[in-house]
Every structure is written in C-alpha cells, then in structure tokens.
Amino acid sequence: MMLKALFSAARDMTPDQARAFMASRREDQYTLLDVRQTGEYERAHIPGARLIPLPELSSRFGELDPLKPVIAY
C-alpha cells in the first residue's frame, strides 16, 4: 500500500506556519508525528512529538487518530 493513500490531501507548511498552527491549538487537538529513526528521535525531537519511523508507518497507521490533523516531520 502506498503511504499517500493513507492520508487526505495536505499542504506543505513552513516551520513558522507549523509553529503558528501548534500555538493556536491545544496539544490534544492535533498529532505531531516524527517519522525519523529511533536514534534520531532520541537525540532530539520536538516536545510532544510521537515517534513512528517512516518504514513502520503503513503498519502502524491505525495508532493515529483519524479525526485529528497530523503534522509530520
């Protein structure tokens, strides 16, 4: 299954746009998804980010709330 089929249409955000989006909502109103590898996440990540490495995303997609917007990085 192609990963793009799992997501609805999305737009790219600049870092400033992502910060503004997150600042205007409570953390429980969106999912901040880190798709890097575990070691990268452990070295540094954005507070509140949830780790699902990109190679695992298609098998773990059900862990995400389909009603919340997702910001993936």
N, C-alpha and C. Protein backbone atom coordinates (compact mmCIF):
# COMPACT_ATOMS: atom_id res chain seq x y z
N MET A 1 0.84 -1.17 0.00
CA MET A 1 0.00 0.00 0.00
C MET A 1 0.89 1.24 0.00
N MET A 2 0.55 2.20 -0.82
CA MET A 2 1.32 3.43 -0.85
C MET A 2 0.91 4.31 0.32
N LEU A 3 1.89 4.93 0.97
CA LEU A 3 1.59 5.77 2.12
C LEU A 3 0.69 6.94 1.78
N LYS A 4 0.82 7.49 0.58
CA LYS A 4 -0.02 8.63 0.20
C LYS A 4 -1.50 8.28 0.24
N ALA A 5 -1.83 7.03 0.02
CA ALA A 5 -3.24 6.61 0.04
C ALA A 5 -3.81 6.65 1.45
N LEU A 6 -2.95 6.68 2.46
CA LEU A 6 -3.42 6.71 3.84
C LEU A 6 -3.81 8.10 4.30
N PHE A 7 -3.38 9.12 3.60
CA PHE A 7 -3.61 10.49 4.02
C PHE A 7 -4.55 11.21 3.07
N SER A 8 -5.30 12.16 3.61
CA SER A 8 -6.09 13.03 2.75
C SER A 8 -5.16 14.11 2.21
N ALA A 9 -5.68 14.90 1.30
CA ALA A 9 -4.86 15.95 0.70
C ALA A 9 -4.28 16.84 1.79
N ALA A 10 -3.04 17.20 1.63
CA ALA A 10 -2.35 18.01 2.63
C ALA A 10 -1.56 19.10 1.93
N ARG A 11 -1.17 20.06 2.73
CA ARG A 11 -0.34 21.12 2.18
C ARG A 11 0.97 21.15 2.93
N ASP A 12 1.97 21.65 2.28
CA ASP A 12 3.25 21.84 2.94
C ASP A 12 3.14 23.06 3.86
N MET A 13 3.85 23.00 4.96
CA MET A 13 3.91 24.12 5.89
C MET A 13 5.35 24.52 6.09
N THR A 14 5.57 25.80 6.21
CA THR A 14 6.89 26.26 6.60
C THR A 14 7.01 26.03 8.10
N PRO A 15 8.23 26.06 8.63
CA PRO A 15 8.36 25.93 10.09
C PRO A 15 7.55 26.98 10.84
N ASP A 16 7.52 28.21 10.35
CA ASP A 16 6.75 29.26 11.02
C ASP A 16 5.25 28.96 10.98
N GLN A 17 4.77 28.44 9.87
CA GLN A 17 3.35 28.07 9.78
C GLN A 17 3.02 26.93 10.73
N ALA A 18 3.90 25.96 10.84
CA ALA A 18 3.69 24.84 11.76
C ALA A 18 3.67 25.33 13.20
N ARG A 19 4.60 26.23 13.55
CA ARG A 19 4.61 26.80 14.90
C ARG A 19 3.31 27.53 15.19
N ALA A 20 2.84 28.32 14.24
CA ALA A 20 1.59 29.07 14.42
C ALA A 20 0.41 28.12 14.57
N PHE A 21 0.37 27.07 13.76
CA PHE A 21 -0.70 26.08 13.84
C PHE A 21 -0.73 25.47 15.24
N MET A 22 0.43 25.02 15.72
CA MET A 22 0.51 24.38 17.03
C MET A 22 0.21 25.37 18.16
N ALA A 23 0.64 26.61 18.02
CA ALA A 23 0.41 27.61 19.06
C ALA A 23 -1.07 27.96 19.18
N SER A 24 -1.82 27.79 18.11
CA SER A 24 -3.23 28.18 18.12
C SER A 24 -4.16 27.04 18.53
N ARG A 25 -3.60 25.90 18.90
CA ARG A 25 -4.39 24.73 19.29
C ARG A 25 -3.80 24.08 20.53
N ARG A 26 -4.64 23.35 21.24
CA ARG A 26 -4.14 22.53 22.35
C ARG A 26 -3.44 21.30 21.76
N GLU A 27 -2.51 20.74 22.51
CA GLU A 27 -1.76 19.57 22.02
C GLU A 27 -2.66 18.38 21.72
N ASP A 28 -3.80 18.28 22.39
CA ASP A 28 -4.70 17.14 22.14
C ASP A 28 -5.58 17.34 20.90
N GLN A 29 -5.40 18.46 20.19
CA GLN A 29 -6.21 18.73 19.00
C GLN A 29 -5.50 18.39 17.69
N TYR A 30 -4.27 17.93 17.77
CA TYR A 30 -3.51 17.53 16.58
C TYR A 30 -2.48 16.50 17.01
N THR A 31 -1.89 15.84 16.03
CA THR A 31 -0.80 14.90 16.30
C THR A 31 0.45 15.42 15.63
N LEU A 32 1.51 15.54 16.40
CA LEU A 32 2.81 15.90 15.88
C LEU A 32 3.56 14.60 15.70
N LEU A 33 3.82 14.22 14.47
CA LEU A 33 4.36 12.90 14.14
C LEU A 33 5.79 13.01 13.64
N ASP A 34 6.69 12.38 14.35
CA ASP A 34 8.10 12.32 13.97
C ASP A 34 8.31 10.99 13.24
N VAL A 35 8.70 11.06 11.98
CA VAL A 35 8.85 9.84 11.18
C VAL A 35 10.31 9.44 10.97
N ARG A 36 11.19 10.05 11.77
CA ARG A 36 12.61 9.71 11.65
C ARG A 36 12.89 8.39 12.37
N GLN A 37 14.12 7.98 12.37
CA GLN A 37 14.51 6.74 13.04
C GLN A 37 14.64 6.96 14.55
N THR A 38 14.58 5.88 15.31
CA THR A 38 14.59 5.94 16.77
C THR A 38 15.79 6.70 17.31
N GLY A 39 16.96 6.43 16.79
CA GLY A 39 18.17 7.11 17.27
C GLY A 39 18.10 8.61 17.05
N GLU A 40 17.55 9.03 15.92
CA GLU A 40 17.41 10.46 15.64
C GLU A 40 16.44 11.09 16.63
N TYR A 41 15.34 10.41 16.89
CA TYR A 41 14.33 10.88 17.83
C TYR A 41 14.93 11.00 19.23
N GLU A 42 15.70 10.01 19.63
CA GLU A 42 16.29 10.02 20.97
C GLU A 42 17.30 11.14 21.14
N ARG A 43 18.03 11.49 20.07
CA ARG A 43 19.00 12.58 20.15
C ARG A 43 18.31 13.93 20.32
N ALA A 44 17.20 14.13 19.64
CA ALA A 44 16.46 15.39 19.73
C ALA A 44 15.13 15.25 19.00
N HIS A 45 14.10 15.80 19.60
CA HIS A 45 12.79 15.84 18.95
C HIS A 45 11.98 17.00 19.50
N ILE A 46 10.95 17.36 18.81
CA ILE A 46 10.07 18.43 19.25
C ILE A 46 9.24 17.89 20.41
N PRO A 47 9.16 18.62 21.52
CA PRO A 47 8.35 18.15 22.65
C PRO A 47 6.91 17.86 22.22
N GLY A 48 6.41 16.74 22.68
CA GLY A 48 5.05 16.33 22.33
C GLY A 48 4.95 15.49 21.08
N ALA A 49 6.07 15.32 20.37
CA ALA A 49 6.05 14.54 19.13
C ALA A 49 5.91 13.06 19.43
N ARG A 50 5.20 12.40 18.56
CA ARG A 50 5.03 10.94 18.65
C ARG A 50 5.91 10.29 17.58
N LEU A 51 6.67 9.29 17.96
CA LEU A 51 7.57 8.62 17.02
C LEU A 51 6.90 7.42 16.37
N ILE A 52 6.84 7.46 15.05
CA ILE A 52 6.53 6.28 14.25
C ILE A 52 7.47 6.37 13.04
N PRO A 53 8.56 5.62 13.06
CA PRO A 53 9.51 5.70 11.95
C PRO A 53 8.82 5.43 10.60
N LEU A 54 9.23 6.16 9.59
CA LEU A 54 8.60 6.07 8.28
C LEU A 54 8.45 4.64 7.77
N PRO A 55 9.46 3.78 7.90
CA PRO A 55 9.28 2.41 7.41
C PRO A 55 8.16 1.63 8.13
N GLU A 56 7.78 2.07 9.32
CA GLU A 56 6.74 1.39 10.09
C GLU A 56 5.36 2.04 9.93
N LEU A 57 5.30 3.18 9.28
CA LEU A 57 4.07 3.96 9.27
C LEU A 57 2.89 3.21 8.67
N SER A 58 3.09 2.52 7.58
CA SER A 58 1.95 1.84 6.95
C SER A 58 1.36 0.75 7.86
N SER A 59 2.20 0.10 8.66
CA SER A 59 1.69 -0.95 9.54
C SER A 59 1.18 -0.40 10.88
N ARG A 60 1.53 0.84 11.20
CA ARG A 60 1.12 1.43 12.47
C ARG A 60 0.15 2.59 12.31
N PHE A 61 -0.32 2.79 11.09
CA PHE A 61 -1.20 3.92 10.80
C PHE A 61 -2.43 3.93 11.69
N GLY A 62 -2.93 2.77 12.07
CA GLY A 62 -4.10 2.68 12.93
C GLY A 62 -3.90 3.26 14.32
N GLU A 63 -2.67 3.54 14.70
CA GLU A 63 -2.39 4.15 16.00
C GLU A 63 -2.70 5.65 16.02
N LEU A 64 -2.90 6.23 14.84
CA LEU A 64 -3.17 7.66 14.74
C LEU A 64 -4.68 7.91 14.76
N ASP A 65 -5.07 8.99 15.39
CA ASP A 65 -6.48 9.37 15.45
C ASP A 65 -6.87 9.99 14.11
N PRO A 66 -7.77 9.36 13.36
CA PRO A 66 -8.13 9.87 12.04
C PRO A 66 -8.90 11.19 12.08
N LEU A 67 -9.36 11.60 13.26
CA LEU A 67 -10.11 12.84 13.39
C LEU A 67 -9.23 14.05 13.68
N LYS A 68 -7.96 13.81 13.93
CA LYS A 68 -7.03 14.90 14.26
C LYS A 68 -6.11 15.19 13.09
N PRO A 69 -5.82 16.46 12.83
CA PRO A 69 -4.81 16.77 11.82
C PRO A 69 -3.45 16.25 12.28
N VAL A 70 -2.62 15.87 11.34
CA VAL A 70 -1.29 15.35 11.63
C VAL A 70 -0.26 16.28 10.99
N ILE A 71 0.70 16.69 11.79
CA ILE A 71 1.86 17.40 11.27
C ILE A 71 3.00 16.41 11.34
N ALA A 72 3.49 16.00 10.20
CA ALA A 72 4.58 15.01 10.14
C ALA A 72 5.87 15.70 9.78
N TYR A 73 6.92 15.26 10.46
CA TYR A 73 8.26 15.76 10.13
C TYR A 73 9.26 14.64 10.27
